[in-house]
Amino acid sequence: MNATHIGLVAGALTSVAVIPQVVRTYRTRHARDISIWQPVLLDVGMVLWLIYGIMLKDLPLILANAFSIFCNTLLIGMKIYFKEDDKQRRRDYIDANRSHKEET
């Protein structure tokens, strides 16, 4: 196994790591527990890694970072898109707890 193969495997593993969060956020339609800063900072770092990979013409760096940028950008988009739903769910939760406390 040469360095390119190791880079491709490493890039694939780190790139697919975000997929479970993207799928869960899409299925549940809420992202209130996700900090907006984590995927934003990752995207900024990955854009720099992508530029670096392009400058070096390093296929593992290019592929891994391009895919990761796509996934994290999806997560950012869902965080923004589901923001109002998250606020409403939070208000509903608070109201339900208030009602329950008043009954007891």
N, C-alpha and C. Protein backbone atom coordinates (compact mmCIF):
# COMPACT_ATOMS: atom_id res chain seq x y z
N MET A 1 0.86 -1.18 0.00
CA MET A 1 0.00 0.00 0.00
C MET A 1 0.90 1.24 0.00
N ASN A 2 0.67 2.11 -0.98
CA ASN A 2 1.50 3.31 -1.05
C ASN A 2 0.83 4.50 -0.37
N ALA A 3 1.50 5.63 -0.37
CA ALA A 3 1.01 6.82 0.34
C ALA A 3 -0.33 7.30 -0.22
N THR A 4 -0.52 7.19 -1.52
CA THR A 4 -1.79 7.63 -2.12
C THR A 4 -2.95 6.78 -1.62
N HIS A 5 -2.74 5.46 -1.55
CA HIS A 5 -3.79 4.57 -1.04
C HIS A 5 -4.13 4.88 0.42
N ILE A 6 -3.12 5.10 1.22
CA ILE A 6 -3.36 5.46 2.63
C ILE A 6 -4.13 6.78 2.70
N GLY A 7 -3.73 7.74 1.89
CA GLY A 7 -4.43 9.02 1.86
C GLY A 7 -5.88 8.88 1.43
N LEU A 8 -6.15 8.03 0.44
CA LEU A 8 -7.53 7.82 -0.02
C LEU A 8 -8.38 7.16 1.07
N VAL A 9 -7.83 6.16 1.75
CA VAL A 9 -8.57 5.49 2.83
C VAL A 9 -8.81 6.46 3.99
N ALA A 10 -7.78 7.20 4.38
CA ALA A 10 -7.93 8.17 5.47
C ALA A 10 -8.95 9.24 5.09
N GLY A 11 -8.87 9.74 3.89
CA GLY A 11 -9.82 10.75 3.44
C GLY A 11 -11.24 10.23 3.40
N ALA A 12 -11.41 8.99 2.94
CA ALA A 12 -12.74 8.39 2.88
C ALA A 12 -13.33 8.24 4.29
N LEU A 13 -12.54 7.76 5.22
CA LEU A 13 -13.03 7.56 6.58
C LEU A 13 -13.40 8.88 7.25
N THR A 14 -12.55 9.88 7.13
CA THR A 14 -12.86 11.16 7.77
C THR A 14 -13.99 11.89 7.06
N SER A 15 -14.14 11.65 5.77
CA SER A 15 -15.21 12.30 5.02
C SER A 15 -16.57 11.72 5.33
N VAL A 16 -16.66 10.42 5.48
CA VAL A 16 -17.97 9.79 5.75
C VAL A 16 -18.38 9.96 7.20
N ALA A 17 -17.50 10.43 8.05
CA ALA A 17 -17.82 10.59 9.47
C ALA A 17 -18.98 11.55 9.70
N VAL A 18 -19.19 12.50 8.82
CA VAL A 18 -20.26 13.48 8.99
C VAL A 18 -21.61 12.97 8.46
N ILE A 19 -21.59 11.93 7.66
CA ILE A 19 -22.83 11.44 7.04
C ILE A 19 -23.90 11.06 8.07
N PRO A 20 -23.58 10.34 9.17
CA PRO A 20 -24.64 10.03 10.13
C PRO A 20 -25.33 11.28 10.69
N GLN A 21 -24.58 12.35 10.92
CA GLN A 21 -25.18 13.58 11.43
C GLN A 21 -26.07 14.24 10.39
N VAL A 22 -25.63 14.24 9.14
CA VAL A 22 -26.43 14.81 8.06
C VAL A 22 -27.73 14.04 7.91
N VAL A 23 -27.65 12.71 7.92
CA VAL A 23 -28.85 11.87 7.78
C VAL A 23 -29.79 12.08 8.96
N ARG A 24 -29.25 12.07 10.17
CA ARG A 24 -30.09 12.26 11.36
C ARG A 24 -30.78 13.62 11.35
N THR A 25 -30.05 14.65 11.00
CA THR A 25 -30.63 15.99 10.96
C THR A 25 -31.73 16.06 9.91
N TYR A 26 -31.51 15.45 8.77
CA TYR A 26 -32.52 15.45 7.72
C TYR A 26 -33.77 14.68 8.16
N ARG A 27 -33.58 13.53 8.78
CA ARG A 27 -34.72 12.70 9.20
C ARG A 27 -35.53 13.34 10.33
N THR A 28 -34.84 13.92 11.31
CA THR A 28 -35.54 14.49 12.47
C THR A 28 -36.04 15.90 12.19
N ARG A 29 -35.50 16.54 11.16
CA ARG A 29 -35.88 17.89 10.81
C ARG A 29 -35.58 18.91 11.92
N HIS A 30 -34.57 18.62 12.71
CA HIS A 30 -34.14 19.63 13.68
C HIS A 30 -32.63 19.54 13.88
N ALA A 31 -32.07 20.71 14.19
CA ALA A 31 -30.62 20.79 14.35
C ALA A 31 -30.27 21.64 15.56
N ARG A 32 -31.19 21.71 16.51
CA ARG A 32 -30.97 22.62 17.65
C ARG A 32 -29.78 22.21 18.51
N ASP A 33 -29.41 20.96 18.50
CA ASP A 33 -28.29 20.50 19.33
C ASP A 33 -26.94 20.63 18.63
N ILE A 34 -26.96 21.11 17.41
CA ILE A 34 -25.73 21.25 16.65
C ILE A 34 -25.29 22.71 16.69
N SER A 35 -24.06 22.94 17.08
CA SER A 35 -23.51 24.29 17.04
C SER A 35 -23.25 24.66 15.58
N ILE A 36 -23.64 25.82 15.18
CA ILE A 36 -23.40 26.27 13.80
C ILE A 36 -21.91 26.42 13.53
N TRP A 37 -21.14 26.70 14.58
CA TRP A 37 -19.72 26.99 14.40
C TRP A 37 -18.89 25.76 14.04
N GLN A 38 -19.27 24.60 14.49
CA GLN A 38 -18.48 23.40 14.19
C GLN A 38 -18.42 23.13 12.68
N PRO A 39 -19.54 23.01 11.98
CA PRO A 39 -19.43 22.77 10.54
C PRO A 39 -18.90 23.98 9.76
N VAL A 40 -19.15 25.20 10.25
CA VAL A 40 -18.62 26.38 9.57
C VAL A 40 -17.09 26.38 9.64
N LEU A 41 -16.54 26.17 10.84
CA LEU A 41 -15.09 26.15 10.99
C LEU A 41 -14.46 24.99 10.22
N LEU A 42 -15.14 23.83 10.24
CA LEU A 42 -14.64 22.70 9.45
C LEU A 42 -14.61 23.05 7.97
N ASP A 43 -15.68 23.67 7.48
CA ASP A 43 -15.72 24.05 6.07
C ASP A 43 -14.58 25.00 5.70
N VAL A 44 -14.33 25.99 6.54
CA VAL A 44 -13.25 26.94 6.26
C VAL A 44 -11.90 26.19 6.20
N GLY A 45 -11.67 25.34 7.19
CA GLY A 45 -10.43 24.56 7.20
C GLY A 45 -10.33 23.64 5.99
N MET A 46 -11.44 23.01 5.63
CA MET A 46 -11.42 22.08 4.49
C MET A 46 -11.25 22.81 3.16
N VAL A 47 -11.77 24.02 3.05
CA VAL A 47 -11.54 24.80 1.84
C VAL A 47 -10.04 25.08 1.70
N LEU A 48 -9.40 25.41 2.81
CA LEU A 48 -7.95 25.63 2.77
C LEU A 48 -7.20 24.35 2.40
N TRP A 49 -7.62 23.22 2.98
CA TRP A 49 -7.01 21.94 2.62
C TRP A 49 -7.25 21.61 1.15
N LEU A 50 -8.45 21.93 0.65
CA LEU A 50 -8.76 21.68 -0.76
C LEU A 50 -7.84 22.51 -1.65
N ILE A 51 -7.68 23.79 -1.31
CA ILE A 51 -6.77 24.65 -2.09
C ILE A 51 -5.35 24.08 -2.06
N TYR A 52 -4.93 23.66 -0.88
CA TYR A 52 -3.60 23.05 -0.73
C TYR A 52 -3.48 21.80 -1.59
N GLY A 53 -4.51 20.95 -1.56
CA GLY A 53 -4.50 19.73 -2.36
C GLY A 53 -4.46 20.03 -3.85
N ILE A 54 -5.19 21.05 -4.28
CA ILE A 54 -5.18 21.44 -5.69
C ILE A 54 -3.79 21.96 -6.08
N MET A 55 -3.19 22.75 -5.20
CA MET A 55 -1.85 23.27 -5.49
C MET A 55 -0.83 22.15 -5.62
N LEU A 56 -0.99 21.11 -4.80
CA LEU A 56 -0.07 19.97 -4.86
C LEU A 56 -0.49 18.92 -5.88
N LYS A 57 -1.70 19.09 -6.43
CA LYS A 57 -2.29 18.08 -7.32
C LYS A 57 -2.38 16.73 -6.61
N ASP A 58 -2.83 16.76 -5.35
CA ASP A 58 -2.93 15.57 -4.51
C ASP A 58 -4.38 15.09 -4.49
N LEU A 59 -4.65 14.02 -5.22
CA LEU A 59 -6.00 13.51 -5.38
C LEU A 59 -6.69 13.17 -4.06
N PRO A 60 -6.04 12.48 -3.11
CA PRO A 60 -6.72 12.20 -1.85
C PRO A 60 -7.18 13.45 -1.11
N LEU A 61 -6.33 14.49 -1.07
CA LEU A 61 -6.71 15.74 -0.41
C LEU A 61 -7.87 16.42 -1.13
N ILE A 62 -7.84 16.40 -2.44
CA ILE A 62 -8.89 17.05 -3.22
C ILE A 62 -10.23 16.34 -3.02
N LEU A 63 -10.25 15.03 -3.19
CA LEU A 63 -11.50 14.28 -3.09
C LEU A 63 -12.09 14.33 -1.68
N ALA A 64 -11.26 14.07 -0.69
CA ALA A 64 -11.75 14.02 0.69
C ALA A 64 -12.32 15.37 1.13
N ASN A 65 -11.62 16.42 0.80
CA ASN A 65 -12.07 17.73 1.25
C ASN A 65 -13.26 18.24 0.44
N ALA A 66 -13.31 17.95 -0.83
CA ALA A 66 -14.47 18.36 -1.63
C ALA A 66 -15.73 17.69 -1.11
N PHE A 67 -15.66 16.40 -0.82
CA PHE A 67 -16.83 15.68 -0.30
C PHE A 67 -17.22 16.19 1.08
N SER A 68 -16.24 16.40 1.94
CA SER A 68 -16.51 16.89 3.29
C SER A 68 -17.11 18.30 3.27
N ILE A 69 -16.63 19.14 2.39
CA ILE A 69 -17.19 20.49 2.25
C ILE A 69 -18.66 20.39 1.86
N PHE A 70 -18.96 19.51 0.93
CA PHE A 70 -20.35 19.31 0.51
C PHE A 70 -21.22 18.89 1.69
N CYS A 71 -20.78 17.89 2.44
CA CYS A 71 -21.57 17.38 3.57
C CYS A 71 -21.74 18.42 4.67
N ASN A 72 -20.68 19.09 5.03
CA ASN A 72 -20.78 20.10 6.09
C ASN A 72 -21.60 21.31 5.65
N THR A 73 -21.54 21.64 4.37
CA THR A 73 -22.37 22.73 3.86
C THR A 73 -23.85 22.33 3.91
N LEU A 74 -24.15 21.06 3.63
CA LEU A 74 -25.52 20.56 3.80
C LEU A 74 -25.98 20.72 5.24
N LEU A 75 -25.11 20.36 6.16
CA LEU A 75 -25.43 20.47 7.59
C LEU A 75 -25.68 21.93 7.99
N ILE A 76 -24.87 22.83 7.50
CA ILE A 76 -25.07 24.26 7.77
C ILE A 76 -26.41 24.71 7.20
N GLY A 77 -26.70 24.29 5.99
CA GLY A 77 -27.97 24.65 5.36
C GLY A 77 -29.16 24.14 6.16
N MET A 78 -29.08 22.90 6.64
CA MET A 78 -30.17 22.35 7.44
C MET A 78 -30.29 23.07 8.77
N LYS A 79 -29.18 23.44 9.37
CA LYS A 79 -29.20 24.18 10.63
C LYS A 79 -29.95 25.50 10.45
N ILE A 80 -29.70 26.17 9.36
CA ILE A 80 -30.38 27.44 9.08
C ILE A 80 -31.84 27.20 8.70
N TYR A 81 -32.08 26.22 7.84
CA TYR A 81 -33.43 25.95 7.34
C TYR A 81 -34.38 25.50 8.45
N PHE A 82 -33.89 24.65 9.36
CA PHE A 82 -34.73 24.11 10.43
C PHE A 82 -34.76 25.00 11.67
N LYS A 83 -34.16 26.17 11.60
CA LYS A 83 -34.05 27.05 12.77
C LYS A 83 -35.40 27.42 13.36
N GLU A 84 -36.36 27.81 12.53
CA GLU A 84 -37.68 28.19 13.03
C GLU A 84 -38.42 27.00 13.65
N ASP A 85 -38.30 25.83 13.03
CA ASP A 85 -38.92 24.63 13.60
C ASP A 85 -38.32 24.31 14.96
N ASP A 86 -37.00 24.49 15.08
CA ASP A 86 -36.34 24.24 16.35
C ASP A 86 -36.84 25.20 17.43
N LYS A 87 -37.02 26.48 17.06
CA LYS A 87 -37.52 27.46 18.03
C LYS A 87 -38.93 27.09 18.48
N GLN A 88 -39.77 26.67 17.53
CA GLN A 88 -41.14 26.30 17.87
C GLN A 88 -41.17 25.06 18.76
N ARG A 89 -40.35 24.07 18.45
CA ARG A 89 -40.29 22.87 19.28
C ARG A 89 -39.83 23.21 20.69
N ARG A 90 -38.89 24.12 20.81
CA ARG A 90 -38.41 24.53 22.13
C ARG A 90 -39.53 25.22 22.92
N ARG A 91 -40.25 26.13 22.24
CA ARG A 91 -41.37 26.80 22.91
C ARG A 91 -42.44 25.80 23.34
N ASP A 92 -42.75 24.85 22.48
CA ASP A 92 -43.74 23.82 22.82
C ASP A 92 -43.29 23.00 24.02
N TYR A 93 -42.00 22.66 24.06
CA TYR A 93 -41.45 21.88 25.16
C TYR A 93 -41.55 22.66 26.47
N ILE A 94 -41.19 23.94 26.42
CA ILE A 94 -41.25 24.79 27.62
C ILE A 94 -42.70 24.94 28.09
N ASP A 95 -43.61 25.17 27.16
CA ASP A 95 -45.02 25.30 27.52
C ASP A 95 -45.57 24.02 28.13
N ALA A 96 -45.21 22.88 27.58
CA ALA A 96 -45.68 21.60 28.09
C ALA A 96 -45.15 21.37 29.51
N ASN A 97 -43.90 21.71 29.76
CA ASN A 97 -43.34 21.55 31.10
C ASN A 97 -43.98 22.50 32.09
N ARG A 98 -44.27 23.71 31.66
CA ARG A 98 -44.95 24.68 32.50
C ARG A 98 -46.33 24.16 32.90
N SER A 99 -47.06 23.65 31.93
CA SER A 99 -48.40 23.11 32.20
C SER A 99 -48.35 21.94 33.17
N HIS A 100 -47.35 21.09 32.97
CA HIS A 100 -47.20 19.92 33.83
C HIS A 100 -46.89 20.34 35.27
N LYS A 101 -46.03 21.34 35.43
CA LYS A 101 -45.67 21.82 36.77
C LYS A 101 -46.87 22.48 37.45
N GLU A 102 -47.68 23.18 36.68
CA GLU A 102 -48.84 23.83 37.25
C GLU A 102 -49.90 22.81 37.71
N GLU A 103 -49.96 21.68 37.03
CA GLU A 103 -50.93 20.64 37.40
C GLU A 103 -50.53 19.92 38.67
N THR A 104 -49.25 19.87 38.96
CA THR A 104 -48.78 19.12 40.14
C THR A 104 -48.64 19.99 41.36
